[in-house]
Amino acid sequence: MQSFEVYRPLGAGEQIFWLHDQAHSLHFALTAQIKGKFTVTQLQQALHFVQQRHPFLRVRIALDEAKHPWFVEDRADIPLRVVQRLSEQQWQREVEQEIATPFIWSQAPLVRVVLVHSSNGAELSELIVICHHSIADGISVTYLIRDILQAMPTATPTVYATPTTFGQSLSVPPSLEDLMSIELPKKFLC
């Protein structure tokens, strides 16, 4: 039997994204262009580092007995697909392909990465991060790309981070409902 850690139920907004995705894919992609030399192995290590740091990069969605969706941890590496960079517009075709490929929400992780990699000395690559909308939005994936680049040694040593300097794992973010459920002081209650 596989063991996993239950994180928390999906919040209302997360559940709306999850439900909508079942009818019409609602995942999205962000792309960053990278200048400099690096190896696929270095990128894989960086993905491993960020997956340890960000808990939602290790989850899938599971239903409880009442059919309510929950985020649960199910350790699986972030899938990385590497394609050779043949043209300036190739990353656009890769994004189209990824957007046309739905996530299976019951399988972790709910994120995948494509590297359109230069191997001919051009030192120009595109990093495409695709996420299920229930675990991330555009701003959080922007920070995720930043973290990936910081965890990866590149031609610019100032953006290099090691597991010891990269920081500790972040905690599971609360749902929006939990963030907004504050108790008002009695003087504000009518």
Foldseek 3Di string as FASTA:
>chain_A
DDDWAFAFFFDPVLVVLVVVCVVPNDKAKDKDKFFFDDDPVLLQQLQVLVCQAEVLQQWAWDADPVGGITTMGDGDGAAEAEAEADDPCVVVVVRVVVSVDHDPRRDDDQKHWYKHDYPPPRRIIMIMIMGRVSRDDPVVVVVVVLSSQLCGCGPDNVSHDHSVRSDHHDGHDDHPVVVPPDDDPPVPDD
